[in-house]
Amino acid sequence: MKRFLMLPVMFFLVLVALPLSAPAGNATGPKMVMPERSYDFKDVGEGVVIEHTFQVTNRGTEVLQIKNVNPG
């Protein structure tokens, strides 16, 4: 009897979980796209000023706010 009741319960849980795990195709909000997430400067001598620019693009539908950046 328990197995008979367990099957519909499992089926219901799968039906509920599938839409929650699927990505939303028409999601709104900001979407940050970075072709390059890190950069290796290799060996740098002491006192040498180095610089690198990361390209950040907002492909979302709302304003992207970058509130915190942590250098490696």
PDB file of N, CA and C in Angstrom:
ATOM      1  N   MET A   1       0.813  -1.189   0.000  1.00  0.00           N
ATOM      2  CA  MET A   1       0.000   0.000   0.000  1.00  0.00           C
ATOM      3  C   MET A   1       0.859   1.256   0.000  1.00  0.00           C
ATOM      4  N   LYS A   2       1.966   1.236   0.747  1.00  0.00           N
ATOM      5  CA  LYS A   2       2.833   2.403   0.814  1.00  0.00           C
ATOM      6  C   LYS A   2       3.459   2.689  -0.550  1.00  0.00           C
ATOM      7  N   ARG A   3       3.861   1.639  -1.274  1.00  0.00           N
ATOM      8  CA  ARG A   3       4.450   1.839  -2.599  1.00  0.00           C
ATOM      9  C   ARG A   3       3.445   2.444  -3.562  1.00  0.00           C
ATOM     10  N   PHE A   4       2.205   2.036  -3.441  1.00  0.00           N
ATOM     11  CA  PHE A   4       1.159   2.556  -4.315  1.00  0.00           C
ATOM     12  C   PHE A   4       0.952   4.052  -4.083  1.00  0.00           C
ATOM     13  N   LEU A   5       1.032   4.511  -2.854  1.00  0.00           N
ATOM     14  CA  LEU A   5       0.884   5.927  -2.551  1.00  0.00           C
ATOM     15  C   LEU A   5       2.149   6.713  -2.873  1.00  0.00           C
ATOM     16  N   MET A   6       3.296   6.074  -2.789  1.00  0.00           N
ATOM     17  CA  MET A   6       4.565   6.753  -3.016  1.00  0.00           C
ATOM     18  C   MET A   6       4.738   7.163  -4.475  1.00  0.00           C
ATOM     19  N   LEU A   7       4.252   6.376  -5.412  1.00  0.00           N
ATOM     20  CA  LEU A   7       4.411   6.677  -6.830  1.00  0.00           C
ATOM     21  C   LEU A   7       3.744   7.996  -7.229  1.00  0.00           C
ATOM     22  N   PRO A   8       2.493   8.266  -6.876  1.00  0.00           N
ATOM     23  CA  PRO A   8       1.894   9.562  -7.220  1.00  0.00           C
ATOM     24  C   PRO A   8       2.589  10.735  -6.532  1.00  0.00           C
ATOM     25  N   VAL A   9       3.060  10.516  -5.312  1.00  0.00           N
ATOM     26  CA  VAL A   9       3.763  11.580  -4.599  1.00  0.00           C
ATOM     27  C   VAL A   9       5.065  11.925  -5.320  1.00  0.00           C
ATOM     28  N   MET A  10       5.822  10.923  -5.732  1.00  0.00           N
ATOM     29  CA  MET A  10       7.073  11.157  -6.454  1.00  0.00           C
ATOM     30  C   MET A  10       6.804  11.836  -7.793  1.00  0.00           C
ATOM     31  N   PHE A  11       5.771  11.404  -8.498  1.00  0.00           N
ATOM     32  CA  PHE A  11       5.410  12.003  -9.773  1.00  0.00           C
ATOM     33  C   PHE A  11       5.061  13.481  -9.589  1.00  0.00           C
ATOM     34  N   PHE A  12       4.305  13.800  -8.552  1.00  0.00           N
ATOM     35  CA  PHE A  12       3.938  15.174  -8.261  1.00  0.00           C
ATOM     36  C   PHE A  12       5.177  16.025  -7.965  1.00  0.00           C
ATOM     37  N   LEU A  13       6.099  15.503  -7.180  1.00  0.00           N
ATOM     38  CA  LEU A  13       7.315  16.248  -6.841  1.00  0.00           C
ATOM     39  C   LEU A  13       8.160  16.544  -8.081  1.00  0.00           C
ATOM     40  N   VAL A  14       8.238  15.587  -8.979  1.00  0.00           N
ATOM     41  CA  VAL A  14       8.986  15.803 -10.221  1.00  0.00           C
ATOM     42  C   VAL A  14       8.315  16.883 -11.061  1.00  0.00           C
ATOM     43  N   LEU A  15       7.002  16.843 -11.153  1.00  0.00           N
ATOM     44  CA  LEU A  15       6.288  17.857 -11.926  1.00  0.00           C
ATOM     45  C   LEU A  15       6.460  19.247 -11.335  1.00  0.00           C
ATOM     46  N   VAL A  16       6.531  19.349 -10.032  1.00  0.00           N
ATOM     47  CA  VAL A  16       6.717  20.644  -9.377  1.00  0.00           C
ATOM     48  C   VAL A  16       8.163  21.118  -9.533  1.00  0.00           C
ATOM     49  N   ALA A  17       9.122  20.223  -9.457  1.00  0.00           N
ATOM     50  CA  ALA A  17      10.536  20.595  -9.480  1.00  0.00           C
ATOM     51  C   ALA A  17      11.026  20.984 -10.870  1.00  0.00           C
ATOM     52  N   LEU A  18      10.490  20.413 -11.925  1.00  0.00           N
ATOM     53  CA  LEU A  18      10.976  20.709 -13.277  1.00  0.00           C
ATOM     54  C   LEU A  18      10.862  22.179 -13.660  1.00  0.00           C
ATOM     55  N   PRO A  19       9.729  22.835 -13.476  1.00  0.00           N
ATOM     56  CA  PRO A  19       9.664  24.257 -13.838  1.00  0.00           C
ATOM     57  C   PRO A  19      10.580  25.122 -12.977  1.00  0.00           C
ATOM     58  N   LEU A  20      10.831  24.717 -11.753  1.00  0.00           N
ATOM     59  CA  LEU A  20      11.697  25.505 -10.884  1.00  0.00           C
ATOM     60  C   LEU A  20      13.155  25.428 -11.303  1.00  0.00           C
ATOM     61  N   SER A  21      13.565  24.328 -11.912  1.00  0.00           N
ATOM     62  CA  SER A  21      14.961  24.166 -12.297  1.00  0.00           C
ATOM     63  C   SER A  21      15.250  24.666 -13.705  1.00  0.00           C
ATOM     64  N   ALA A  22      14.235  24.884 -14.508  1.00  0.00           N
ATOM     65  CA  ALA A  22      14.437  25.335 -15.889  1.00  0.00           C
ATOM     66  C   ALA A  22      14.757  26.825 -15.907  1.00  0.00           C
ATOM     67  N   PRO A  23      15.728  27.248 -16.737  1.00  0.00           N
ATOM     68  CA  PRO A  23      16.048  28.672 -16.817  1.00  0.00           C
ATOM     69  C   PRO A  23      14.906  29.436 -17.480  1.00  0.00           C
ATOM     70  N   ALA A  24      14.692  30.632 -16.985  1.00  0.00           N
ATOM     71  CA  ALA A  24      13.635  31.474 -17.542  1.00  0.00           C
ATOM     72  C   ALA A  24      14.117  32.099 -18.837  1.00  0.00           C
ATOM     73  N   GLY A  25      13.379  31.916 -19.900  1.00  0.00           N
ATOM     74  CA  GLY A  25      13.777  32.439 -21.200  1.00  0.00           C
ATOM     75  C   GLY A  25      13.577  33.933 -21.324  1.00  0.00           C
ATOM     76  N   ASN A  26      12.645  34.493 -20.589  1.00  0.00           N
ATOM     77  CA  ASN A  26      12.363  35.915 -20.699  1.00  0.00           C
ATOM     78  C   ASN A  26      12.594  36.617 -19.366  1.00  0.00           C
ATOM     79  N   ALA A  27      13.660  36.287 -18.693  1.00  0.00           N
ATOM     80  CA  ALA A  27      13.966  36.883 -17.404  1.00  0.00           C
ATOM     81  C   ALA A  27      14.325  38.353 -17.569  1.00  0.00           C
ATOM     82  N   THR A  28      13.939  39.141 -16.595  1.00  0.00           N
ATOM     83  CA  THR A  28      14.268  40.560 -16.611  1.00  0.00           C
ATOM     84  C   THR A  28      15.347  40.835 -15.589  1.00  0.00           C
ATOM     85  N   GLY A  29      15.890  42.019 -15.651  1.00  0.00           N
ATOM     86  CA  GLY A  29      16.932  42.413 -14.720  1.00  0.00           C
ATOM     87  C   GLY A  29      18.268  42.540 -15.431  1.00  0.00           C
ATOM     88  N   PRO A  30      19.299  42.942 -14.697  1.00  0.00           N
ATOM     89  CA  PRO A  30      20.623  43.075 -15.305  1.00  0.00           C
ATOM     90  C   PRO A  30      21.255  41.718 -15.565  1.00  0.00           C
ATOM     91  N   LYS A  31      22.110  41.660 -16.580  1.00  0.00           N
ATOM     92  CA  LYS A  31      22.858  40.434 -16.876  1.00  0.00           C
ATOM     93  C   LYS A  31      24.270  40.834 -17.292  1.00  0.00           C
ATOM     94  N   MET A  32      25.224  40.583 -16.406  1.00  0.00           N
ATOM     95  CA  MET A  32      26.611  40.948 -16.670  1.00  0.00           C
ATOM     96  C   MET A  32      27.275  39.872 -17.519  1.00  0.00           C
ATOM     97  N   VAL A  33      27.902  40.303 -18.604  1.00  0.00           N
ATOM     98  CA  VAL A  33      28.624  39.405 -19.493  1.00  0.00           C
ATOM     99  C   VAL A  33      30.075  39.875 -19.534  1.00  0.00           C
ATOM    100  N   MET A  34      30.999  38.975 -19.192  1.00  0.00           N
ATOM    101  CA  MET A  34      32.431  39.281 -19.215  1.00  0.00           C
ATOM    102  C   MET A  34      33.146  38.189 -20.006  1.00  0.00           C
ATOM    103  N   PRO A  35      33.691  38.518 -21.182  1.00  0.00           N
ATOM    104  CA  PRO A  35      34.411  37.511 -21.951  1.00  0.00           C
ATOM    105  C   PRO A  35      35.645  36.986 -21.209  1.00  0.00           C
ATOM    106  N   GLU A  36      36.199  37.813 -20.360  1.00  0.00           N
ATOM    107  CA  GLU A  36      37.434  37.459 -19.632  1.00  0.00           C
ATOM    108  C   GLU A  36      37.206  37.740 -18.152  1.00  0.00           C
ATOM    109  N   ARG A  37      37.286  36.710 -17.300  1.00  0.00           N
ATOM    110  CA  ARG A  37      37.026  36.894 -15.872  1.00  0.00           C
ATOM    111  C   ARG A  37      38.302  37.046 -15.045  1.00  0.00           C
ATOM    112  N   SER A  38      39.434  36.696 -15.617  1.00  0.00           N
ATOM    113  CA  SER A  38      40.701  36.855 -14.905  1.00  0.00           C
ATOM    114  C   SER A  38      41.807  37.142 -15.916  1.00  0.00           C
ATOM    115  N   TYR A  39      42.923  37.652 -15.411  1.00  0.00           N
ATOM    116  CA  TYR A  39      44.069  37.953 -16.267  1.00  0.00           C
ATOM    117  C   TYR A  39      45.334  37.684 -15.474  1.00  0.00           C
ATOM    118  N   ASP A  40      46.268  36.962 -16.061  1.00  0.00           N
ATOM    119  CA  ASP A  40      47.525  36.625 -15.401  1.00  0.00           C
ATOM    120  C   ASP A  40      48.612  37.571 -15.906  1.00  0.00           C
ATOM    121  N   PHE A  41      49.161  38.384 -15.013  1.00  0.00           N
ATOM    122  CA  PHE A  41      50.212  39.324 -15.377  1.00  0.00           C
ATOM    123  C   PHE A  41      51.584  38.665 -15.458  1.00  0.00           C
ATOM    124  N   LYS A  42      51.653  37.398 -15.135  1.00  0.00           N
ATOM    125  CA  LYS A  42      52.923  36.643 -15.113  1.00  0.00           C
ATOM    126  C   LYS A  42      53.860  37.262 -14.070  1.00  0.00           C
ATOM    127  N   ASP A  43      55.157  37.287 -14.352  1.00  0.00           N
ATOM    128  CA  ASP A  43      56.124  37.856 -13.414  1.00  0.00           C
ATOM    129  C   ASP A  43      56.225  39.360 -13.624  1.00  0.00           C
ATOM    130  N   VAL A  44      56.079  40.098 -12.525  1.00  0.00           N
ATOM    131  CA  VAL A  44      56.146  41.561 -12.575  1.00  0.00           C
ATOM    132  C   VAL A  44      57.178  42.005 -11.554  1.00  0.00           C
ATOM    133  N   GLY A  45      58.059  42.867 -12.007  1.00  0.00           N
ATOM    134  CA  GLY A  45      59.091  43.369 -11.113  1.00  0.00           C
ATOM    135  C   GLY A  45      58.519  44.301 -10.060  1.00  0.00           C
ATOM    136  N   GLU A  46      59.204  44.395  -8.929  1.00  0.00           N
ATOM    137  CA  GLU A  46      58.756  45.252  -7.839  1.00  0.00           C
ATOM    138  C   GLU A  46      58.762  46.715  -8.275  1.00  0.00           C
ATOM    139  N   GLY A  47      57.697  47.421  -7.974  1.00  0.00           N
ATOM    140  CA  GLY A  47      57.591  48.843  -8.290  1.00  0.00           C
ATOM    141  C   GLY A  47      57.072  49.134  -9.691  1.00  0.00           C
ATOM    142  N   VAL A  48      56.855  48.108 -10.506  1.00  0.00           N
ATOM    143  CA  VAL A  48      56.367  48.303 -11.872  1.00  0.00           C
ATOM    144  C   VAL A  48      54.851  48.502 -11.827  1.00  0.00           C
ATOM    145  N   VAL A  49      54.387  49.555 -12.488  1.00  0.00           N
ATOM    146  CA  VAL A  49      52.952  49.810 -12.561  1.00  0.00           C
ATOM    147  C   VAL A  49      52.373  48.993 -13.712  1.00  0.00           C
ATOM    148  N   ILE A  50      51.358  48.200 -13.416  1.00  0.00           N
ATOM    149  CA  ILE A  50      50.726  47.373 -14.444  1.00  0.00           C
ATOM    150  C   ILE A  50      49.246  47.725 -14.527  1.00  0.00           C
ATOM    151  N   GLU A  51      48.655  47.433 -15.668  1.00  0.00           N
ATOM    152  CA  GLU A  51      47.264  47.797 -15.890  1.00  0.00           C
ATOM    153  C   GLU A  51      46.609  46.808 -16.839  1.00  0.00           C
ATOM    154  N   HIS A  52      45.341  46.535 -16.600  1.00  0.00           N
ATOM    155  CA  HIS A  52      44.557  45.690 -17.502  1.00  0.00           C
ATOM    156  C   HIS A  52      43.108  46.143 -17.437  1.00  0.00           C
ATOM    157  N   THR A  53      42.449  46.191 -18.563  1.00  0.00           N
ATOM    158  CA  THR A  53      41.051  46.614 -18.630  1.00  0.00           C
ATOM    159  C   THR A  53      40.175  45.403 -18.926  1.00  0.00           C
ATOM    160  N   PHE A  54      39.151  45.210 -18.112  1.00  0.00           N
ATOM    161  CA  PHE A  54      38.179  44.148 -18.329  1.00  0.00           C
ATOM    162  C   PHE A  54      36.955  44.738 -19.014  1.00  0.00           C
ATOM    163  N   GLN A  55      36.458  44.042 -20.026  1.00  0.00           N
ATOM    164  CA  GLN A  55      35.256  44.472 -20.724  1.00  0.00           C
ATOM    165  C   GLN A  55      34.040  43.884 -20.010  1.00  0.00           C
ATOM    166  N   VAL A  56      33.112  44.765 -19.622  1.00  0.00           N
ATOM    167  CA  VAL A  56      31.877  44.346 -18.962  1.00  0.00           C
ATOM    168  C   VAL A  56      30.716  44.872 -19.783  1.00  0.00           C
ATOM    169  N   THR A  57      29.803  43.982 -20.154  1.00  0.00           N
ATOM    170  CA  THR A  57      28.639  44.363 -20.950  1.00  0.00           C
ATOM    171  C   THR A  57      27.375  43.960 -20.202  1.00  0.00           C
ATOM    172  N   ASN A  58      26.389  44.839 -20.211  1.00  0.00           N
ATOM    173  CA  ASN A  58      25.087  44.531 -19.614  1.00  0.00           C
ATOM    174  C   ASN A  58      24.155  44.088 -20.732  1.00  0.00           C
ATOM    175  N   ARG A  59      23.804  42.824 -20.751  1.00  0.00           N
ATOM    176  CA  ARG A  59      22.882  42.295 -21.757  1.00  0.00           C
ATOM    177  C   ARG A  59      21.487  42.113 -21.176  1.00  0.00           C
ATOM    178  N   GLY A  60      21.244  42.706 -20.026  1.00  0.00           N
ATOM    179  CA  GLY A  60      19.950  42.575 -19.367  1.00  0.00           C
ATOM    180  C   GLY A  60      19.006  43.698 -19.748  1.00  0.00           C
ATOM    181  N   THR A  61      17.886  43.723 -19.061  1.00  0.00           N
ATOM    182  CA  THR A  61      16.846  44.699 -19.357  1.00  0.00           C
ATOM    183  C   THR A  61      16.813  45.843 -18.356  1.00  0.00           C
ATOM    184  N   GLU A  62      17.645  45.775 -17.314  1.00  0.00           N
ATOM    185  CA  GLU A  62      17.691  46.832 -16.314  1.00  0.00           C
ATOM    186  C   GLU A  62      19.139  47.270 -16.103  1.00  0.00           C
ATOM    187  N   VAL A  63      19.326  48.336 -15.347  1.00  0.00           N
ATOM    188  CA  VAL A  63      20.651  48.901 -15.105  1.00  0.00           C
ATOM    189  C   VAL A  63      21.488  47.926 -14.283  1.00  0.00           C
ATOM    190  N   LEU A  64      22.729  47.711 -14.719  1.00  0.00           N
ATOM    191  CA  LEU A  64      23.679  46.865 -13.990  1.00  0.00           C
ATOM    192  C   LEU A  64      24.485  47.745 -13.057  1.00  0.00           C
ATOM    193  N   GLN A  65      24.438  47.445 -11.764  1.00  0.00           N
ATOM    194  CA  GLN A  65      25.201  48.196 -10.783  1.00  0.00           C
ATOM    195  C   GLN A  65      26.332  47.323 -10.247  1.00  0.00           C
ATOM    196  N   ILE A  66      27.555  47.774 -10.435  1.00  0.00           N
ATOM    197  CA  ILE A  66      28.725  47.067  -9.896  1.00  0.00           C
ATOM    198  C   ILE A  66      29.067  47.773  -8.592  1.00  0.00           C
ATOM    199  N   LYS A  67      28.795  47.116  -7.483  1.00  0.00           N
ATOM    200  CA  LYS A  67      28.932  47.748  -6.184  1.00  0.00           C
ATOM    201  C   LYS A  67      30.215  47.393  -5.452  1.00  0.00           C
ATOM    202  N   ASN A  68      30.881  46.302  -5.872  1.00  0.00           N
ATOM    203  CA  ASN A  68      32.063  45.872  -5.140  1.00  0.00           C
ATOM    204  C   ASN A  68      32.990  45.133  -6.087  1.00  0.00           C
ATOM    205  N   VAL A  69      34.267  45.528  -6.088  1.00  0.00           N
ATOM    206  CA  VAL A  69      35.274  44.853  -6.889  1.00  0.00           C
ATOM    207  C   VAL A  69      36.441  44.504  -5.971  1.00  0.00           C
ATOM    208  N   ASN A  70      36.882  43.261  -6.033  1.00  0.00           N
ATOM    209  CA  ASN A  70      38.003  42.820  -5.205  1.00  0.00           C
ATOM    210  C   ASN A  70      39.155  42.392  -6.092  1.00  0.00           C
ATOM    211  N   PRO A  71      40.287  43.102  -6.010  1.00  0.00           N
ATOM    212  CA  PRO A  71      41.453  42.659  -6.780  1.00  0.00           C
ATOM    213  C   PRO A  71      42.010  41.372  -6.195  1.00  0.00           C
ATOM    214  N   GLY A  72      42.555  40.544  -7.054  1.00  0.00           N
ATOM    215  CA  GLY A  72      43.073  39.238  -6.629  1.00  0.00           C
ATOM    216  C   GLY A  72      44.230  39.365  -5.741  1.00  0.00           C
TER     217      GLY A  72
END
